[in-house]
Amino acid sequence: MTVDDVCPQLLNRVLELRARAHGELCRVVSLLDLSVSNIRKISSQIANPAVRKIIENELVSVEAKLRLAKEKAVGL
């Protein structure tokens, strides 16, 4: 087997793994998106406004990170 034989096989394998990783990343981001939405619904039922505010601030931070992850996923 020569380098010319191996290189296309390696390239195909790398592309396959990259596509799989991209799919998994998109799946995880989608699940996290759903989790944030569910947490927001649950937190709206918390009686203590200070606790609700803390949770809301954390969710805003998580959503910003999710937006970045989605942008990176698009770039893969």
PDB file of N, CA and C in Angstrom:
ATOM      1  N   MET A   1       0.842  -1.171   0.000  1.00  0.00           N
ATOM      2  CA  MET A   1       0.000   0.000   0.000  1.00  0.00           C
ATOM      3  C   MET A   1       0.894   1.243   0.000  1.00  0.00           C
ATOM      4  N   THR A   2       0.597   2.155  -0.888  1.00  0.00           N
ATOM      5  CA  THR A   2       1.407   3.367  -0.992  1.00  0.00           C
ATOM      6  C   THR A   2       0.706   4.525  -0.275  1.00  0.00           C
ATOM      7  N   VAL A   3       1.448   5.637  -0.173  1.00  0.00           N
ATOM      8  CA  VAL A   3       0.885   6.848   0.427  1.00  0.00           C
ATOM      9  C   VAL A   3      -0.348   7.293  -0.362  1.00  0.00           C
ATOM     10  N   ASP A   4      -0.285   7.165  -1.666  1.00  0.00           N
ATOM     11  CA  ASP A   4      -1.421   7.555  -2.508  1.00  0.00           C
ATOM     12  C   ASP A   4      -2.659   6.707  -2.226  1.00  0.00           C
ATOM     13  N   ASP A   5      -2.450   5.472  -1.782  1.00  0.00           N
ATOM     14  CA  ASP A   5      -3.578   4.603  -1.429  1.00  0.00           C
ATOM     15  C   ASP A   5      -4.151   4.969  -0.056  1.00  0.00           C
ATOM     16  N   VAL A   6      -3.273   5.286   0.877  1.00  0.00           N
ATOM     17  CA  VAL A   6      -3.667   5.521   2.259  1.00  0.00           C
ATOM     18  C   VAL A   6      -4.289   6.900   2.454  1.00  0.00           C
ATOM     19  N   CYS A   7      -3.756   7.918   1.818  1.00  0.00           N
ATOM     20  CA  CYS A   7      -4.229   9.294   2.025  1.00  0.00           C
ATOM     21  C   CYS A   7      -5.725   9.471   1.746  1.00  0.00           C
ATOM     22  N   PRO A   8      -6.247   8.989   0.640  1.00  0.00           N
ATOM     23  CA  PRO A   8      -7.688   9.146   0.418  1.00  0.00           C
ATOM     24  C   PRO A   8      -8.523   8.427   1.488  1.00  0.00           C
ATOM     25  N   GLN A   9      -8.045   7.268   1.935  1.00  0.00           N
ATOM     26  CA  GLN A   9      -8.769   6.537   2.978  1.00  0.00           C
ATOM     27  C   GLN A   9      -8.769   7.320   4.286  1.00  0.00           C
ATOM     28  N   LEU A  10      -7.616   7.882   4.626  1.00  0.00           N
ATOM     29  CA  LEU A  10      -7.529   8.682   5.846  1.00  0.00           C
ATOM     30  C   LEU A  10      -8.397   9.934   5.753  1.00  0.00           C
ATOM     31  N   LEU A  11      -8.366  10.579   4.610  1.00  0.00           N
ATOM     32  CA  LEU A  11      -9.177  11.772   4.414  1.00  0.00           C
ATOM     33  C   LEU A  11     -10.663  11.443   4.548  1.00  0.00           C
ATOM     34  N   ASN A  12     -11.085  10.355   3.941  1.00  0.00           N
ATOM     35  CA  ASN A  12     -12.485   9.948   4.045  1.00  0.00           C
ATOM     36  C   ASN A  12     -12.871   9.665   5.495  1.00  0.00           C
ATOM     37  N   ARG A  13     -11.973   9.019   6.215  1.00  0.00           N
ATOM     38  CA  ARG A  13     -12.244   8.707   7.633  1.00  0.00           C
ATOM     39  C   ARG A  13     -12.329   9.985   8.463  1.00  0.00           C
ATOM     40  N   VAL A  14     -11.439  10.927   8.225  1.00  0.00           N
ATOM     41  CA  VAL A  14     -11.450  12.205   8.944  1.00  0.00           C
ATOM     42  C   VAL A  14     -12.749  12.955   8.653  1.00  0.00           C
ATOM     43  N   LEU A  15     -13.166  12.981   7.399  1.00  0.00           N
ATOM     44  CA  LEU A  15     -14.407  13.661   7.028  1.00  0.00           C
ATOM     45  C   LEU A  15     -15.621  12.987   7.665  1.00  0.00           C
ATOM     46  N   GLU A  16     -15.580  11.677   7.717  1.00  0.00           N
ATOM     47  CA  GLU A  16     -16.667  10.922   8.352  1.00  0.00           C
ATOM     48  C   GLU A  16     -16.747  11.246   9.850  1.00  0.00           C
ATOM     49  N   LEU A  17     -15.606  11.261  10.518  1.00  0.00           N
ATOM     50  CA  LEU A  17     -15.574  11.571  11.951  1.00  0.00           C
ATOM     51  C   LEU A  17     -15.990  13.014  12.219  1.00  0.00           C
ATOM     52  N   ARG A  18     -15.587  13.901  11.349  1.00  0.00           N
ATOM     53  CA  ARG A  18     -15.956  15.307  11.492  1.00  0.00           C
ATOM     54  C   ARG A  18     -17.472  15.480  11.360  1.00  0.00           C
ATOM     55  N   ALA A  19     -18.067  14.807  10.399  1.00  0.00           N
ATOM     56  CA  ALA A  19     -19.515  14.887  10.211  1.00  0.00           C
ATOM     57  C   ALA A  19     -20.248  14.302  11.419  1.00  0.00           C
ATOM     58  N   ARG A  20     -19.737  13.212  11.941  1.00  0.00           N
ATOM     59  CA  ARG A  20     -20.353  12.595  13.126  1.00  0.00           C
ATOM     60  C   ARG A  20     -20.236  13.521  14.331  1.00  0.00           C
ATOM     61  N   ALA A  21     -19.072  14.131  14.509  1.00  0.00           N
ATOM     62  CA  ALA A  21     -18.864  15.061  15.626  1.00  0.00           C
ATOM     63  C   ALA A  21     -19.793  16.262  15.495  1.00  0.00           C
ATOM     64  N   HIS A  22     -19.955  16.764  14.291  1.00  0.00           N
ATOM     65  CA  HIS A  22     -20.849  17.896  14.051  1.00  0.00           C
ATOM     66  C   HIS A  22     -22.287  17.516  14.411  1.00  0.00           C
ATOM     67  N   GLY A  23     -22.702  16.345  14.015  1.00  0.00           N
ATOM     68  CA  GLY A  23     -24.049  15.876  14.341  1.00  0.00           C
ATOM     69  C   GLY A  23     -24.261  15.755  15.836  1.00  0.00           C
ATOM     70  N   GLU A  24     -23.263  15.216  16.530  1.00  0.00           N
ATOM     71  CA  GLU A  24     -23.358  15.084  17.986  1.00  0.00           C
ATOM     72  C   GLU A  24     -23.383  16.447  18.660  1.00  0.00           C
ATOM     73  N   LEU A  25     -22.567  17.366  18.183  1.00  0.00           N
ATOM     74  CA  LEU A  25     -22.546  18.718  18.741  1.00  0.00           C
ATOM     75  C   LEU A  25     -23.909  19.383  18.573  1.00  0.00           C
ATOM     76  N   CYS A  26     -24.491  19.255  17.406  1.00  0.00           N
ATOM     77  CA  CYS A  26     -25.815  19.841  17.161  1.00  0.00           C
ATOM     78  C   CYS A  26     -26.862  19.207  18.070  1.00  0.00           C
ATOM     79  N   ARG A  27     -26.758  17.915  18.281  1.00  0.00           N
ATOM     80  CA  ARG A  27     -27.706  17.211  19.151  1.00  0.00           C
ATOM     81  C   ARG A  27     -27.581  17.701  20.587  1.00  0.00           C
ATOM     82  N   VAL A  28     -26.355  17.840  21.076  1.00  0.00           N
ATOM     83  CA  VAL A  28     -26.121  18.300  22.448  1.00  0.00           C
ATOM     84  C   VAL A  28     -26.617  19.737  22.623  1.00  0.00           C
ATOM     85  N   VAL A  29     -26.325  20.593  21.666  1.00  0.00           N
ATOM     86  CA  VAL A  29     -26.772  21.988  21.747  1.00  0.00           C
ATOM     87  C   VAL A  29     -28.301  22.036  21.770  1.00  0.00           C
ATOM     88  N   SER A  30     -28.942  21.216  20.970  1.00  0.00           N
ATOM     89  CA  SER A  30     -30.397  21.171  20.950  1.00  0.00           C
ATOM     90  C   SER A  30     -30.957  20.721  22.295  1.00  0.00           C
ATOM     91  N   LEU A  31     -30.346  19.711  22.884  1.00  0.00           N
ATOM     92  CA  LEU A  31     -30.787  19.236  24.203  1.00  0.00           C
ATOM     93  C   LEU A  31     -30.575  20.304  25.273  1.00  0.00           C
ATOM     94  N   LEU A  32     -29.468  21.013  25.197  1.00  0.00           N
ATOM     95  CA  LEU A  32     -29.214  22.088  26.155  1.00  0.00           C
ATOM     96  C   LEU A  32     -30.220  23.220  25.988  1.00  0.00           C
ATOM     97  N   ASP A  33     -30.552  23.521  24.754  1.00  0.00           N
ATOM     98  CA  ASP A  33     -31.572  24.532  24.471  1.00  0.00           C
ATOM     99  C   ASP A  33     -32.897  24.158  25.134  1.00  0.00           C
ATOM    100  N   LEU A  34     -33.281  22.915  24.970  1.00  0.00           N
ATOM    101  CA  LEU A  34     -34.513  22.413  25.563  1.00  0.00           C
ATOM    102  C   LEU A  34     -34.444  22.475  27.086  1.00  0.00           C
ATOM    103  N   SER A  35     -33.291  22.131  27.648  1.00  0.00           N
ATOM    104  CA  SER A  35     -33.106  22.169  29.099  1.00  0.00           C
ATOM    105  C   SER A  35     -33.252  23.589  29.634  1.00  0.00           C
ATOM    106  N   VAL A  36     -32.672  24.563  28.947  1.00  0.00           N
ATOM    107  CA  VAL A  36     -32.789  25.965  29.367  1.00  0.00           C
ATOM    108  C   VAL A  36     -34.253  26.382  29.356  1.00  0.00           C
ATOM    109  N   SER A  37     -34.950  25.988  28.322  1.00  0.00           N
ATOM    110  CA  SER A  37     -36.372  26.326  28.223  1.00  0.00           C
ATOM    111  C   SER A  37     -37.153  25.710  29.388  1.00  0.00           C
ATOM    112  N   ASN A  38     -36.874  24.464  29.692  1.00  0.00           N
ATOM    113  CA  ASN A  38     -37.563  23.785  30.802  1.00  0.00           C
ATOM    114  C   ASN A  38     -37.222  24.423  32.148  1.00  0.00           C
ATOM    115  N   ILE A  39     -35.967  24.776  32.350  1.00  0.00           N
ATOM    116  CA  ILE A  39     -35.559  25.428  33.597  1.00  0.00           C
ATOM    117  C   ILE A  39     -36.266  26.770  33.731  1.00  0.00           C
ATOM    118  N   ARG A  40     -36.360  27.496  32.642  1.00  0.00           N
ATOM    119  CA  ARG A  40     -37.042  28.799  32.674  1.00  0.00           C
ATOM    120  C   ARG A  40     -38.510  28.621  33.088  1.00  0.00           C
ATOM    121  N   LYS A  41     -39.183  27.610  32.547  1.00  0.00           N
ATOM    122  CA  LYS A  41     -40.585  27.354  32.908  1.00  0.00           C
ATOM    123  C   LYS A  41     -40.707  27.018  34.393  1.00  0.00           C
ATOM    124  N   ILE A  42     -39.826  26.176  34.870  1.00  0.00           N
ATOM    125  CA  ILE A  42     -39.865  25.766  36.276  1.00  0.00           C
ATOM    126  C   ILE A  42     -39.539  26.939  37.187  1.00  0.00           C
ATOM    127  N   SER A  43     -38.529  27.724  36.825  1.00  0.00           N
ATOM    128  CA  SER A  43     -38.110  28.828  37.689  1.00  0.00           C
ATOM    129  C   SER A  43     -39.183  29.907  37.800  1.00  0.00           C
ATOM    130  N   SER A  44     -40.042  30.003  36.798  1.00  0.00           N
ATOM    131  CA  SER A  44     -41.110  31.009  36.864  1.00  0.00           C
ATOM    132  C   SER A  44     -42.098  30.686  37.984  1.00  0.00           C
ATOM    133  N   GLN A  45     -42.073  29.468  38.480  1.00  0.00           N
ATOM    134  CA  GLN A  45     -42.974  29.055  39.549  1.00  0.00           C
ATOM    135  C   GLN A  45     -42.357  29.234  40.936  1.00  0.00           C
ATOM    136  N   ILE A  46     -41.102  29.657  41.003  1.00  0.00           N
ATOM    137  CA  ILE A  46     -40.438  29.857  42.294  1.00  0.00           C
ATOM    138  C   ILE A  46     -40.965  31.144  42.912  1.00  0.00           C
ATOM    139  N   ALA A  47     -41.363  31.058  44.166  1.00  0.00           N
ATOM    140  CA  ALA A  47     -41.993  32.198  44.846  1.00  0.00           C
ATOM    141  C   ALA A  47     -41.003  33.315  45.162  1.00  0.00           C
ATOM    142  N   ASN A  48     -39.769  32.957  45.488  1.00  0.00           N
ATOM    143  CA  ASN A  48     -38.782  33.949  45.919  1.00  0.00           C
ATOM    144  C   ASN A  48     -38.227  34.692  44.700  1.00  0.00           C
ATOM    145  N   PRO A  49     -38.514  36.008  44.589  1.00  0.00           N
ATOM    146  CA  PRO A  49     -38.060  36.765  43.409  1.00  0.00           C
ATOM    147  C   PRO A  49     -36.531  36.864  43.311  1.00  0.00           C
ATOM    148  N   ALA A  50     -35.842  36.864  44.435  1.00  0.00           N
ATOM    149  CA  ALA A  50     -34.376  36.937  44.399  1.00  0.00           C
ATOM    150  C   ALA A  50     -33.795  35.664  43.779  1.00  0.00           C
ATOM    151  N   VAL A  51     -34.360  34.541  44.145  1.00  0.00           N
ATOM    152  CA  VAL A  51     -33.900  33.260  43.590  1.00  0.00           C
ATOM    153  C   VAL A  51     -34.229  33.197  42.100  1.00  0.00           C
ATOM    154  N   ARG A  52     -35.432  33.637  41.725  1.00  0.00           N
ATOM    155  CA  ARG A  52     -35.800  33.666  40.298  1.00  0.00           C
ATOM    156  C   ARG A  52     -34.828  34.522  39.506  1.00  0.00           C
ATOM    157  N   LYS A  53     -34.429  35.657  40.059  1.00  0.00           N
ATOM    158  CA  LYS A  53     -33.507  36.566  39.371  1.00  0.00           C
ATOM    159  C   LYS A  53     -32.137  35.907  39.179  1.00  0.00           C
ATOM    160  N   ILE A  54     -31.664  35.220  40.203  1.00  0.00           N
ATOM    161  CA  ILE A  54     -30.374  34.522  40.102  1.00  0.00           C
ATOM    162  C   ILE A  54     -30.431  33.469  38.993  1.00  0.00           C
ATOM    163  N   ILE A  55     -31.502  32.704  38.985  1.00  0.00           N
ATOM    164  CA  ILE A  55     -31.659  31.660  37.965  1.00  0.00           C
ATOM    165  C   ILE A  55     -31.737  32.298  36.574  1.00  0.00           C
ATOM    166  N   GLU A  56     -32.501  33.370  36.455  1.00  0.00           N
ATOM    167  CA  GLU A  56     -32.643  34.053  35.158  1.00  0.00           C
ATOM    168  C   GLU A  56     -31.294  34.562  34.660  1.00  0.00           C
ATOM    169  N   ASN A  57     -30.505  35.139  35.562  1.00  0.00           N
ATOM    170  CA  ASN A  57     -29.173  35.640  35.168  1.00  0.00           C
ATOM    171  C   ASN A  57     -28.281  34.499  34.680  1.00  0.00           C
ATOM    172  N   GLU A  58     -28.342  33.383  35.354  1.00  0.00           N
ATOM    173  CA  GLU A  58     -27.542  32.222  34.935  1.00  0.00           C
ATOM    174  C   GLU A  58     -28.022  31.704  33.575  1.00  0.00           C
ATOM    175  N   LEU A  59     -29.330  31.694  33.380  1.00  0.00           N
ATOM    176  CA  LEU A  59     -29.870  31.219  32.099  1.00  0.00           C
ATOM    177  C   LEU A  59     -29.456  32.131  30.948  1.00  0.00           C
ATOM    178  N   VAL A  60     -29.416  33.418  31.187  1.00  0.00           N
ATOM    179  CA  VAL A  60     -28.969  34.362  30.158  1.00  0.00           C
ATOM    180  C   VAL A  60     -27.524  34.048  29.765  1.00  0.00           C
ATOM    181  N   SER A  61     -26.695  33.757  30.769  1.00  0.00           N
ATOM    182  CA  SER A  61     -25.293  33.414  30.511  1.00  0.00           C
ATOM    183  C   SER A  61     -25.187  32.109  29.712  1.00  0.00           C
ATOM    184  N   VAL A  62     -25.969  31.121  30.101  1.00  0.00           N
ATOM    185  CA  VAL A  62     -25.951  29.829  29.402  1.00  0.00           C
ATOM    186  C   VAL A  62     -26.427  30.001  27.964  1.00  0.00           C
ATOM    187  N   GLU A  63     -27.471  30.805  27.753  1.00  0.00           N
ATOM    188  CA  GLU A  63     -27.973  31.024  26.400  1.00  0.00           C
ATOM    189  C   GLU A  63     -26.927  31.705  25.519  1.00  0.00           C
ATOM    190  N   ALA A  64     -26.171  32.626  26.086  1.00  0.00           N
ATOM    191  CA  ALA A  64     -25.103  33.274  25.317  1.00  0.00           C
ATOM    192  C   ALA A  64     -24.056  32.242  24.894  1.00  0.00           C
ATOM    193  N   LYS A  65     -23.719  31.348  25.794  1.00  0.00           N
ATOM    194  CA  LYS A  65     -22.744  30.305  25.467  1.00  0.00           C
ATOM    195  C   LYS A  65     -23.305  29.340  24.427  1.00  0.00           C
ATOM    196  N   LEU A  66     -24.600  29.060  24.519  1.00  0.00           N
ATOM    197  CA  LEU A  66     -25.224  28.187  23.522  1.00  0.00           C
ATOM    198  C   LEU A  66     -25.215  28.832  22.134  1.00  0.00           C
ATOM    199  N   ARG A  67     -25.442  30.140  22.086  1.00  0.00           N
ATOM    200  CA  ARG A  67     -25.382  30.831  20.791  1.00  0.00           C
ATOM    201  C   ARG A  67     -23.988  30.690  20.173  1.00  0.00           C
ATOM    202  N   LEU A  68     -22.968  30.830  21.003  1.00  0.00           N
ATOM    203  CA  LEU A  68     -21.598  30.660  20.503  1.00  0.00           C
ATOM    204  C   LEU A  68     -21.367  29.237  20.004  1.00  0.00           C
ATOM    205  N   ALA A  69     -21.865  28.276  20.757  1.00  0.00           N
ATOM    206  CA  ALA A  69     -21.704  26.872  20.347  1.00  0.00           C
ATOM    207  C   ALA A  69     -22.420  26.602  19.023  1.00  0.00           C
ATOM    208  N   LYS A  70     -23.601  27.207  18.847  1.00  0.00           N
ATOM    209  CA  LYS A  70     -24.339  27.031  17.585  1.00  0.00           C
ATOM    210  C   LYS A  70     -23.563  27.652  16.427  1.00  0.00           C
ATOM    211  N   GLU A  71     -22.976  28.824  16.659  1.00  0.00           N
ATOM    212  CA  GLU A  71     -22.185  29.468  15.609  1.00  0.00           C
ATOM    213  C   GLU A  71     -20.981  28.604  15.232  1.00  0.00           C
ATOM    214  N   LYS A  72     -20.335  28.029  16.232  1.00  0.00           N
ATOM    215  CA  LYS A  72     -19.186  27.163  15.957  1.00  0.00           C
ATOM    216  C   LYS A  72     -19.627  25.894  15.236  1.00  0.00           C
ATOM    217  N   ALA A  73     -20.797  25.379  15.607  1.00  0.00           N
ATOM    218  CA  ALA A  73     -21.300  24.160  14.953  1.00  0.00           C
ATOM    219  C   ALA A  73     -21.566  24.428  13.477  1.00  0.00           C
ATOM    220  N   VAL A  74     -22.058  25.593  13.152  1.00  0.00           N
ATOM    221  CA  VAL A  74     -22.312  25.953  11.766  1.00  0.00           C
ATOM    222  C   VAL A  74     -21.005  26.008  10.991  1.00  0.00           C
ATOM    223  N   GLY A  75     -19.933  26.446  11.667  1.00  0.00           N
ATOM    224  CA  GLY A  75     -18.637  26.576  11.013  1.00  0.00           C
ATOM    225  C   GLY A  75     -17.907  25.278  10.792  1.00  0.00           C
ATOM    226  N   LEU A  76     -18.378  24.190  11.420  1.00  0.00           N
ATOM    227  CA  LEU A  76     -17.685  22.895  11.246  1.00  0.00           C
ATOM    228  C   LEU A  76     -17.903  22.323   9.877  1.00  0.00           C
TER     229      LEU A  76
END
